[in-house]
């Protein structure tokens, strides 16, 4: 699970800085859901 979070963070930074793609609300919601899943898994 942590691997997915790291991968998405790296992708978001790459897409924002290199590809000049803005982060959208749906991306932030999906990050939040993944973080919640990691928290539940390791609780």
C-alpha atoms as a PDB file:
ATOM      1  CA  UNK A   1       0.000   0.000   0.000  1.00  0.00           C
ATOM      2  CA  UNK A   2       2.776   2.416   0.830  1.00  0.00           C
ATOM      3  CA  UNK A   3       4.257   1.760  -2.600  1.00  0.00           C
ATOM      4  CA  UNK A   4       1.048   3.003  -4.246  1.00  0.00           C
ATOM      5  CA  UNK A   5       1.061   6.182  -2.169  1.00  0.00           C
ATOM      6  CA  UNK A   6       4.698   6.915  -3.042  1.00  0.00           C
ATOM      7  CA  UNK A   7       4.055   6.186  -6.720  1.00  0.00           C
ATOM      8  CA  UNK A   8       1.075   8.533  -6.849  1.00  0.00           C
ATOM      9  CA  UNK A   9       2.945  11.318  -5.072  1.00  0.00           C
ATOM     10  CA  UNK A  10       5.879  11.010  -7.490  1.00  0.00           C
ATOM     11  CA  UNK A  11       3.481  10.959 -10.445  1.00  0.00           C
ATOM     12  CA  UNK A  12       1.628  14.028  -9.156  1.00  0.00           C
ATOM     13  CA  UNK A  13       4.859  15.983  -8.720  1.00  0.00           C
ATOM     14  CA  UNK A  14       6.082  14.909 -12.176  1.00  0.00           C
ATOM     15  CA  UNK A  15       2.773  15.758 -13.857  1.00  0.00           C
ATOM     16  CA  UNK A  16       2.614  19.145 -12.148  1.00  0.00           C
ATOM     17  CA  UNK A  17       6.215  20.259 -12.630  1.00  0.00           C
ATOM     18  CA  UNK A  18       7.235  18.618 -15.905  1.00  0.00           C
ATOM     19  CA  UNK A  19       3.981  18.206 -17.821  1.00  0.00           C
ATOM     20  CA  UNK A  20       2.390  21.391 -16.399  1.00  0.00           C
ATOM     21  CA  UNK A  21      -0.840  19.530 -15.598  1.00  0.00           C
ATOM     22  CA  UNK A  22      -2.823  21.054 -12.736  1.00  0.00           C
ATOM     23  CA  UNK A  23      -3.878  18.857  -9.842  1.00  0.00           C
ATOM     24  CA  UNK A  24      -7.623  18.436  -9.783  1.00  0.00           C
ATOM     25  CA  UNK A  25      -9.984  17.844  -6.886  1.00  0.00           C
ATOM     26  CA  UNK A  26     -10.458  14.205  -7.891  1.00  0.00           C
ATOM     27  CA  UNK A  27      -6.707  13.623  -7.526  1.00  0.00           C
ATOM     28  CA  UNK A  28      -6.700  15.035  -4.001  1.00  0.00           C
ATOM     29  CA  UNK A  29      -9.731  12.922  -3.078  1.00  0.00           C
ATOM     30  CA  UNK A  30      -8.054   9.767  -4.389  1.00  0.00           C
ATOM     31  CA  UNK A  31      -4.867  10.568  -2.438  1.00  0.00           C
ATOM     32  CA  UNK A  32      -6.950  10.997   0.697  1.00  0.00           C
ATOM     33  CA  UNK A  33      -8.718   7.680   0.164  1.00  0.00           C
ATOM     34  CA  UNK A  34      -5.422   5.875  -0.398  1.00  0.00           C
ATOM     35  CA  UNK A  35      -3.953   7.389   2.762  1.00  0.00           C
ATOM     36  CA  UNK A  36      -7.055   6.301   4.664  1.00  0.00           C
ATOM     37  CA  UNK A  37      -6.651   2.770   3.285  1.00  0.00           C
ATOM     38  CA  UNK A  38      -3.013   2.680   4.417  1.00  0.00           C
ATOM     39  CA  UNK A  39      -4.014   3.935   7.866  1.00  0.00           C
ATOM     40  CA  UNK A  40      -6.719   1.246   8.219  1.00  0.00           C
ATOM     41  CA  UNK A  41      -4.380  -1.457   6.979  1.00  0.00           C
ATOM     42  CA  UNK A  42      -1.612  -0.673   9.474  1.00  0.00           C
ATOM     43  CA  UNK A  43      -3.849   0.241  12.422  1.00  0.00           C
END
